[in-house]
Amino acid sequence: MSWSDPAPELVELFDQAVATDARVERRTLFGCPAAFVGGHLAATVFREQFVIKLGAADLARLHEGRRPVPFEPMEGRAMRELYVVPRGVVADRETLDEWIAAALDRVGAWPPKGGRPRRGNAPKAPAQGTAALPMLGPRSREMLELAGIATLERLRTLGAIRAYIAVKRAGGRPSLNLLWALEGAISGKRWQDVAREDRTTLLLALEDALAVPLGAED
């Protein structure tokens, strides 16, 4: 069974889905993005699968009679309490948020694992550049940097629509989740709320902006 990277659109969705929770520590598992809380794995992506940690009570509540699929990075080697999120749930942002919240809350209630001691007690330096942009994952920040959008001030100057178009014209392949996240970074709203409340307005504005010939913008 060969190892492979997760689909880029799944990585982008994962980045945005966990970016709004301050408890999350980003690491990797099998070379794939993963979210930990207190040193405990809560969620990850692997190949075409979105994987989260659930207990028996959450399994019964969230699966609603569906048979849960254990996560097996290698055939026959299931990992304890890790389950594959059904494709229908992954496609439904609101429902996916509920599943992720259950996983984060579950491991967040456990005592933190002991980690390596930190050197000194100096305060952590504030994030710089795109790392300071709220609610954006690593892949989204990378696409913004390639488009020359390196600060929140620059993003606010352009606005979500023009920034999204700049990413596309710079060769990025963003999904609409990036548009929601950009608007959320500017407005302070969760990208899930933007997708639910402002979707139509943003899509109409995007359609109008894309109809303007390149170089004809104000």
C-alpha atoms as a PDB file:
ATOM      1  CA  MET A   1       0.000   0.000   0.000  1.00  0.00           C
ATOM      2  CA  SER A   2       1.754   3.187  -1.158  1.00  0.00           C
ATOM      3  CA  TRP A   3       1.687   6.466   0.760  1.00  0.00           C
ATOM      4  CA  SER A   4       0.411   9.586  -0.942  1.00  0.00           C
ATOM      5  CA  ASP A   5      -0.282  13.208  -0.119  1.00  0.00           C
ATOM      6  CA  PRO A   6      -3.857  14.348   0.547  1.00  0.00           C
ATOM      7  CA  ALA A   7      -5.715  16.190  -2.201  1.00  0.00           C
ATOM      8  CA  PRO A   8      -4.856  19.944  -2.199  1.00  0.00           C
ATOM      9  CA  GLU A   9      -8.499  20.970  -1.839  1.00  0.00           C
ATOM     10  CA  LEU A  10      -8.814  18.690   1.207  1.00  0.00           C
ATOM     11  CA  VAL A  11      -5.715  20.269   2.766  1.00  0.00           C
ATOM     12  CA  GLU A  12      -7.165  23.738   2.165  1.00  0.00           C
ATOM     13  CA  LEU A  13     -10.474  22.741   3.757  1.00  0.00           C
ATOM     14  CA  PHE A  14      -8.636  21.219   6.714  1.00  0.00           C
ATOM     15  CA  ASP A  15      -6.493  24.324   7.188  1.00  0.00           C
ATOM     16  CA  GLN A  16      -9.523  26.592   7.279  1.00  0.00           C
ATOM     17  CA  ALA A  17     -11.624  24.247   9.390  1.00  0.00           C
ATOM     18  CA  VAL A  18      -9.137  24.162  12.284  1.00  0.00           C
ATOM     19  CA  ALA A  19      -7.639  27.657  11.915  1.00  0.00           C
ATOM     20  CA  THR A  20     -10.297  29.402  14.037  1.00  0.00           C
ATOM     21  CA  ASP A  21      -9.692  27.315  17.182  1.00  0.00           C
ATOM     22  CA  ALA A  22      -6.958  28.846  19.336  1.00  0.00           C
ATOM     23  CA  ARG A  23      -6.352  25.520  21.092  1.00  0.00           C
ATOM     24  CA  VAL A  24      -5.066  23.841  17.950  1.00  0.00           C
ATOM     25  CA  GLU A  25      -1.394  23.054  17.545  1.00  0.00           C
ATOM     26  CA  ARG A  26      -0.456  22.260  13.950  1.00  0.00           C
ATOM     27  CA  ARG A  27       1.785  19.243  13.377  1.00  0.00           C
ATOM     28  CA  THR A  28       2.059  16.476  10.801  1.00  0.00           C
ATOM     29  CA  LEU A  29       1.039  12.819  10.881  1.00  0.00           C
ATOM     30  CA  PHE A  30       2.472  10.521   8.213  1.00  0.00           C
ATOM     31  CA  GLY A  31       3.651  13.707   6.499  1.00  0.00           C
ATOM     32  CA  CYS A  32       0.084  15.086   6.350  1.00  0.00           C
ATOM     33  CA  PRO A  33      -1.385  18.129   8.151  1.00  0.00           C
ATOM     34  CA  ALA A  34      -2.751  17.326  11.594  1.00  0.00           C
ATOM     35  CA  ALA A  35      -4.379  19.203  14.466  1.00  0.00           C
ATOM     36  CA  PHE A  36      -3.401  18.503  18.071  1.00  0.00           C
ATOM     37  CA  VAL A  37      -4.764  19.899  21.337  1.00  0.00           C
ATOM     38  CA  GLY A  38      -2.634  19.523  24.445  1.00  0.00           C
ATOM     39  CA  GLY A  39      -0.418  17.081  22.603  1.00  0.00           C
ATOM     40  CA  HIS A  40      -3.353  14.827  21.633  1.00  0.00           C
ATOM     41  CA  LEU A  41      -4.250  14.181  17.994  1.00  0.00           C
ATOM     42  CA  ALA A  42      -7.742  15.480  17.138  1.00  0.00           C
ATOM     43  CA  ALA A  43      -7.915  15.506  13.331  1.00  0.00           C
ATOM     44  CA  THR A  44      -5.868  14.944  10.191  1.00  0.00           C
ATOM     45  CA  VAL A  45      -6.189  14.329   6.464  1.00  0.00           C
ATOM     46  CA  PHE A  46      -4.778  11.324   4.633  1.00  0.00           C
ATOM     47  CA  ARG A  47      -5.096  10.717   0.891  1.00  0.00           C
ATOM     48  CA  GLU A  48      -8.781  11.395   0.159  1.00  0.00           C
ATOM     49  CA  GLN A  49      -9.847  11.012   3.785  1.00  0.00           C
ATOM     50  CA  PHE A  50     -10.705  13.526   6.494  1.00  0.00           C
ATOM     51  CA  VAL A  51     -10.006  11.817   9.808  1.00  0.00           C
ATOM     52  CA  ILE A  52     -11.055  12.803  13.346  1.00  0.00           C
ATOM     53  CA  LYS A  53     -10.877  11.291  16.846  1.00  0.00           C
ATOM     54  CA  LEU A  54     -14.265  10.381  18.319  1.00  0.00           C
ATOM     55  CA  GLY A  55     -15.444   8.495  21.381  1.00  0.00           C
ATOM     56  CA  ALA A  56     -18.400   6.131  21.566  1.00  0.00           C
ATOM     57  CA  ALA A  57     -20.916   8.813  22.570  1.00  0.00           C
ATOM     58  CA  ASP A  58     -19.926  11.155  19.744  1.00  0.00           C
ATOM     59  CA  LEU A  59     -19.908   8.286  17.266  1.00  0.00           C
ATOM     60  CA  ALA A  60     -23.485   7.375  18.139  1.00  0.00           C
ATOM     61  CA  ARG A  61     -24.657  11.001  18.005  1.00  0.00           C
ATOM     62  CA  LEU A  62     -22.892  12.101  14.839  1.00  0.00           C
ATOM     63  CA  HIS A  63     -23.176   8.980  12.728  1.00  0.00           C
ATOM     64  CA  GLU A  64     -26.918   8.660  13.391  1.00  0.00           C
ATOM     65  CA  GLY A  65     -27.101   4.969  12.562  1.00  0.00           C
ATOM     66  CA  ARG A  66     -24.404   4.978   9.884  1.00  0.00           C
ATOM     67  CA  ARG A  67     -21.611   2.465  10.294  1.00  0.00           C
ATOM     68  CA  PRO A  68     -18.414   4.294  11.322  1.00  0.00           C
ATOM     69  CA  VAL A  69     -15.296   3.561   9.274  1.00  0.00           C
ATOM     70  CA  PRO A  70     -12.108   3.212  11.352  1.00  0.00           C
ATOM     71  CA  PHE A  71      -9.024   4.968  10.005  1.00  0.00           C
ATOM     72  CA  GLU A  72      -6.467   2.473   8.718  1.00  0.00           C
ATOM     73  CA  PRO A  73      -3.259   4.060   7.410  1.00  0.00           C
ATOM     74  CA  MET A  74      -2.252   0.510   6.531  1.00  0.00           C
ATOM     75  CA  GLU A  75      -4.768  -2.208   5.767  1.00  0.00           C
ATOM     76  CA  GLY A  76      -5.832  -3.994   8.927  1.00  0.00           C
ATOM     77  CA  ARG A  77      -4.028  -1.496  11.171  1.00  0.00           C
ATOM     78  CA  ALA A  78      -6.808   0.685  12.576  1.00  0.00           C
ATOM     79  CA  MET A  79      -5.775   3.566  14.835  1.00  0.00           C
ATOM     80  CA  ARG A  80      -7.615   3.817  18.148  1.00  0.00           C
ATOM     81  CA  GLU A  81     -10.662   6.119  18.150  1.00  0.00           C
ATOM     82  CA  LEU A  82      -9.788   7.616  14.754  1.00  0.00           C
ATOM     83  CA  TYR A  83     -12.575   7.499  12.174  1.00  0.00           C
ATOM     84  CA  VAL A  84     -13.011   8.583   8.566  1.00  0.00           C
ATOM     85  CA  VAL A  85     -15.503  11.412   8.115  1.00  0.00           C
ATOM     86  CA  PRO A  86     -18.164  10.465   5.517  1.00  0.00           C
ATOM     87  CA  ARG A  87     -17.849  12.299   2.191  1.00  0.00           C
ATOM     88  CA  GLY A  88     -21.311  13.801   2.603  1.00  0.00           C
ATOM     89  CA  VAL A  89     -20.242  15.377   5.890  1.00  0.00           C
ATOM     90  CA  VAL A  90     -17.002  16.732   4.396  1.00  0.00           C
ATOM     91  CA  ALA A  91     -19.074  18.431   1.684  1.00  0.00           C
ATOM     92  CA  ASP A  92     -21.371  20.057   4.263  1.00  0.00           C
ATOM     93  CA  ARG A  93     -19.381  22.798   6.001  1.00  0.00           C
ATOM     94  CA  GLU A  94     -21.787  23.298   8.888  1.00  0.00           C
ATOM     95  CA  THR A  95     -21.975  19.583   9.683  1.00  0.00           C
ATOM     96  CA  LEU A  96     -18.220  19.169   9.283  1.00  0.00           C
ATOM     97  CA  ASP A  97     -17.700  21.983  11.790  1.00  0.00           C
ATOM     98  CA  GLU A  98     -19.837  20.076  14.294  1.00  0.00           C
ATOM     99  CA  TRP A  99     -17.737  16.937  13.862  1.00  0.00           C
ATOM    100  CA  ILE A 100     -14.452  18.829  14.185  1.00  0.00           C
ATOM    101  CA  ALA A 101     -15.702  20.653  17.274  1.00  0.00           C
ATOM    102  CA  ALA A 102     -16.589  17.311  18.867  1.00  0.00           C
ATOM    103  CA  ALA A 103     -13.092  15.976  18.196  1.00  0.00           C
ATOM    104  CA  LEU A 104     -11.346  19.111  19.478  1.00  0.00           C
ATOM    105  CA  ASP A 105     -13.529  19.253  22.585  1.00  0.00           C
ATOM    106  CA  ARG A 106     -12.917  15.573  23.290  1.00  0.00           C
ATOM    107  CA  VAL A 107      -9.134  15.704  23.293  1.00  0.00           C
ATOM    108  CA  GLY A 108      -9.161  19.225  24.740  1.00  0.00           C
ATOM    109  CA  ALA A 109     -10.739  17.824  27.898  1.00  0.00           C
ATOM    110  CA  TRP A 110      -7.816  15.440  28.451  1.00  0.00           C
ATOM    111  CA  PRO A 111      -4.781  16.382  30.575  1.00  0.00           C
ATOM    112  CA  PRO A 112      -2.054  17.826  28.337  1.00  0.00           C
ATOM    113  CA  LYS A 113       0.777  15.521  27.425  1.00  0.00           C
ATOM    114  CA  GLY A 114       4.174  16.412  28.769  1.00  0.00           C
ATOM    115  CA  GLY A 115       6.285  18.121  26.131  1.00  0.00           C
ATOM    116  CA  ARG A 116       9.891  19.090  25.831  1.00  0.00           C
ATOM    117  CA  PRO A 117      10.726  22.029  28.124  1.00  0.00           C
ATOM    118  CA  ARG A 118      10.930  25.402  26.440  1.00  0.00           C
ATOM    119  CA  ARG A 119      14.180  27.316  26.543  1.00  0.00           C
ATOM    120  CA  GLY A 120      13.826  30.376  28.714  1.00  0.00           C
ATOM    121  CA  ASN A 121      10.661  32.297  29.436  1.00  0.00           C
ATOM    122  CA  ALA A 122      10.876  34.901  26.698  1.00  0.00           C
ATOM    123  CA  PRO A 123       7.452  35.806  25.239  1.00  0.00           C
ATOM    124  CA  LYS A 124       6.682  34.455  21.822  1.00  0.00           C
ATOM    125  CA  ALA A 125       7.397  36.956  19.063  1.00  0.00           C
ATOM    126  CA  PRO A 126       4.287  38.253  17.278  1.00  0.00           C
ATOM    127  CA  ALA A 127       3.531  36.674  13.926  1.00  0.00           C
ATOM    128  CA  GLN A 128       4.783  38.550  10.894  1.00  0.00           C
ATOM    129  CA  GLY A 129       3.631  38.752   7.264  1.00  0.00           C
ATOM    130  CA  THR A 130       0.952  36.310   6.147  1.00  0.00           C
ATOM    131  CA  ALA A 131       1.461  34.322   9.361  1.00  0.00           C
ATOM    132  CA  ALA A 132      -0.387  37.188  11.078  1.00  0.00           C
ATOM    133  CA  LEU A 133      -3.449  36.772   8.855  1.00  0.00           C
ATOM    134  CA  PRO A 134      -6.265  35.250  10.901  1.00  0.00           C
ATOM    135  CA  MET A 135      -8.206  32.138   9.888  1.00  0.00           C
ATOM    136  CA  LEU A 136      -5.887  31.179   7.018  1.00  0.00           C
ATOM    137  CA  GLY A 137      -3.973  27.926   6.754  1.00  0.00           C
ATOM    138  CA  PRO A 138      -0.424  27.444   5.424  1.00  0.00           C
ATOM    139  CA  ARG A 139      -1.461  26.678   1.847  1.00  0.00           C
ATOM    140  CA  SER A 140      -3.740  29.726   1.692  1.00  0.00           C
ATOM    141  CA  ARG A 141      -0.965  31.965   3.032  1.00  0.00           C
ATOM    142  CA  GLU A 142       1.457  30.549   0.471  1.00  0.00           C
ATOM    143  CA  MET A 143      -0.921  31.383  -2.389  1.00  0.00           C
ATOM    144  CA  LEU A 144      -1.358  34.915  -1.041  1.00  0.00           C
ATOM    145  CA  GLU A 145       2.391  35.437  -0.848  1.00  0.00           C
ATOM    146  CA  LEU A 146       2.791  34.307  -4.469  1.00  0.00           C
ATOM    147  CA  ALA A 147       0.177  36.909  -5.395  1.00  0.00           C
ATOM    148  CA  GLY A 148       2.095  39.631  -3.556  1.00  0.00           C
ATOM    149  CA  ILE A 149      -0.334  39.860  -0.638  1.00  0.00           C
ATOM    150  CA  ALA A 150       1.874  39.598   2.413  1.00  0.00           C
ATOM    151  CA  THR A 151       0.067  41.626   5.097  1.00  0.00           C
ATOM    152  CA  LEU A 152      -3.393  42.139   6.502  1.00  0.00           C
ATOM    153  CA  GLU A 153      -3.157  45.792   5.491  1.00  0.00           C
ATOM    154  CA  ARG A 154      -2.581  44.808   1.859  1.00  0.00           C
ATOM    155  CA  LEU A 155      -5.477  42.366   2.006  1.00  0.00           C
ATOM    156  CA  ARG A 156      -7.783  45.041   3.407  1.00  0.00           C
ATOM    157  CA  THR A 157      -6.683  47.478   0.710  1.00  0.00           C
ATOM    158  CA  LEU A 158      -7.530  45.023  -2.064  1.00  0.00           C
ATOM    159  CA  GLY A 159     -10.603  43.507  -0.478  1.00  0.00           C
ATOM    160  CA  ALA A 160     -11.512  39.831  -0.566  1.00  0.00           C
ATOM    161  CA  ILE A 161     -12.690  39.789  -4.201  1.00  0.00           C
ATOM    162  CA  ARG A 162      -9.636  41.467  -5.736  1.00  0.00           C
ATOM    163  CA  ALA A 163      -7.295  39.430  -3.519  1.00  0.00           C
ATOM    164  CA  TYR A 164      -8.978  36.187  -4.592  1.00  0.00           C
ATOM    165  CA  ILE A 165      -8.658  37.155  -8.265  1.00  0.00           C
ATOM    166  CA  ALA A 166      -4.998  38.088  -7.720  1.00  0.00           C
ATOM    167  CA  VAL A 167      -4.342  34.601  -6.343  1.00  0.00           C
ATOM    168  CA  LYS A 168      -5.976  33.008  -9.390  1.00  0.00           C
ATOM    169  CA  ARG A 169      -4.005  35.208 -11.805  1.00  0.00           C
ATOM    170  CA  ALA A 170      -0.770  34.394  -9.966  1.00  0.00           C
ATOM    171  CA  GLY A 171      -1.278  30.740 -10.819  1.00  0.00           C
ATOM    172  CA  GLY A 172      -2.947  29.583  -7.627  1.00  0.00           C
ATOM    173  CA  ARG A 173      -5.859  27.176  -7.756  1.00  0.00           C
ATOM    174  CA  PRO A 174      -8.002  28.376  -4.861  1.00  0.00           C
ATOM    175  CA  SER A 175     -11.385  26.966  -4.019  1.00  0.00           C
ATOM    176  CA  LEU A 176     -14.203  29.225  -2.900  1.00  0.00           C
ATOM    177  CA  ASN A 177     -13.236  28.374   0.664  1.00  0.00           C
ATOM    178  CA  LEU A 178     -10.341  30.815   0.225  1.00  0.00           C
ATOM    179  CA  LEU A 179     -12.765  33.584  -0.730  1.00  0.00           C
ATOM    180  CA  TRP A 180     -14.796  32.958   2.412  1.00  0.00           C
ATOM    181  CA  ALA A 181     -11.598  32.912   4.488  1.00  0.00           C
ATOM    182  CA  LEU A 182     -10.317  36.158   2.977  1.00  0.00           C
ATOM    183  CA  GLU A 183     -13.566  37.932   3.758  1.00  0.00           C
ATOM    184  CA  GLY A 184     -13.445  36.439   7.245  1.00  0.00           C
ATOM    185  CA  ALA A 185      -9.877  37.675   7.784  1.00  0.00           C
ATOM    186  CA  ILE A 186     -10.999  41.194   6.876  1.00  0.00           C
ATOM    187  CA  SER A 187     -14.305  41.231   8.740  1.00  0.00           C
ATOM    188  CA  GLY A 188     -13.342  39.087  11.725  1.00  0.00           C
ATOM    189  CA  LYS A 189     -16.085  36.556  10.975  1.00  0.00           C
ATOM    190  CA  ARG A 190     -15.550  32.813  10.857  1.00  0.00           C
ATOM    191  CA  TRP A 191     -15.205  31.603   7.268  1.00  0.00           C
ATOM    192  CA  GLN A 192     -18.058  29.179   7.879  1.00  0.00           C
ATOM    193  CA  ASP A 193     -20.326  32.105   8.799  1.00  0.00           C
ATOM    194  CA  VAL A 194     -19.189  34.019   5.712  1.00  0.00           C
ATOM    195  CA  ALA A 195     -20.011  31.028   3.517  1.00  0.00           C
ATOM    196  CA  ARG A 196     -23.469  30.766   5.041  1.00  0.00           C
ATOM    197  CA  GLU A 197     -24.396  34.437   5.317  1.00  0.00           C
ATOM    198  CA  ASP A 198     -22.488  36.255   2.556  1.00  0.00           C
ATOM    199  CA  ARG A 199     -22.125  33.590  -0.130  1.00  0.00           C
ATOM    200  CA  THR A 200     -24.534  35.080  -2.674  1.00  0.00           C
ATOM    201  CA  THR A 201     -23.250  38.641  -2.287  1.00  0.00           C
ATOM    202  CA  LEU A 202     -19.628  37.563  -2.695  1.00  0.00           C
ATOM    203  CA  LEU A 203     -20.326  35.311  -5.676  1.00  0.00           C
ATOM    204  CA  LEU A 204     -22.172  38.092  -7.487  1.00  0.00           C
ATOM    205  CA  ALA A 205     -19.350  40.527  -6.758  1.00  0.00           C
ATOM    206  CA  LEU A 206     -16.804  37.970  -7.961  1.00  0.00           C
ATOM    207  CA  GLU A 207     -18.746  37.422 -11.188  1.00  0.00           C
ATOM    208  CA  ASP A 208     -18.835  41.178 -11.838  1.00  0.00           C
ATOM    209  CA  ALA A 209     -15.111  41.576 -11.114  1.00  0.00           C
ATOM    210  CA  LEU A 210     -14.112  38.694 -13.376  1.00  0.00           C
ATOM    211  CA  ALA A 211     -16.122  40.272 -16.210  1.00  0.00           C
ATOM    212  CA  VAL A 212     -13.822  43.318 -16.153  1.00  0.00           C
ATOM    213  CA  PRO A 213     -10.986  42.920 -18.707  1.00  0.00           C
ATOM    214  CA  LEU A 214      -7.517  42.486 -17.251  1.00  0.00           C
ATOM    215  CA  GLY A 215      -5.912  45.912 -16.772  1.00  0.00           C
ATOM    216  CA  ALA A 216      -9.213  47.765 -16.847  1.00  0.00           C
ATOM    217  CA  GLU A 217      -9.720  47.797 -13.068  1.00  0.00           C
ATOM    218  CA  ASP A 218      -9.717  51.160 -11.287  1.00  0.00           C
END
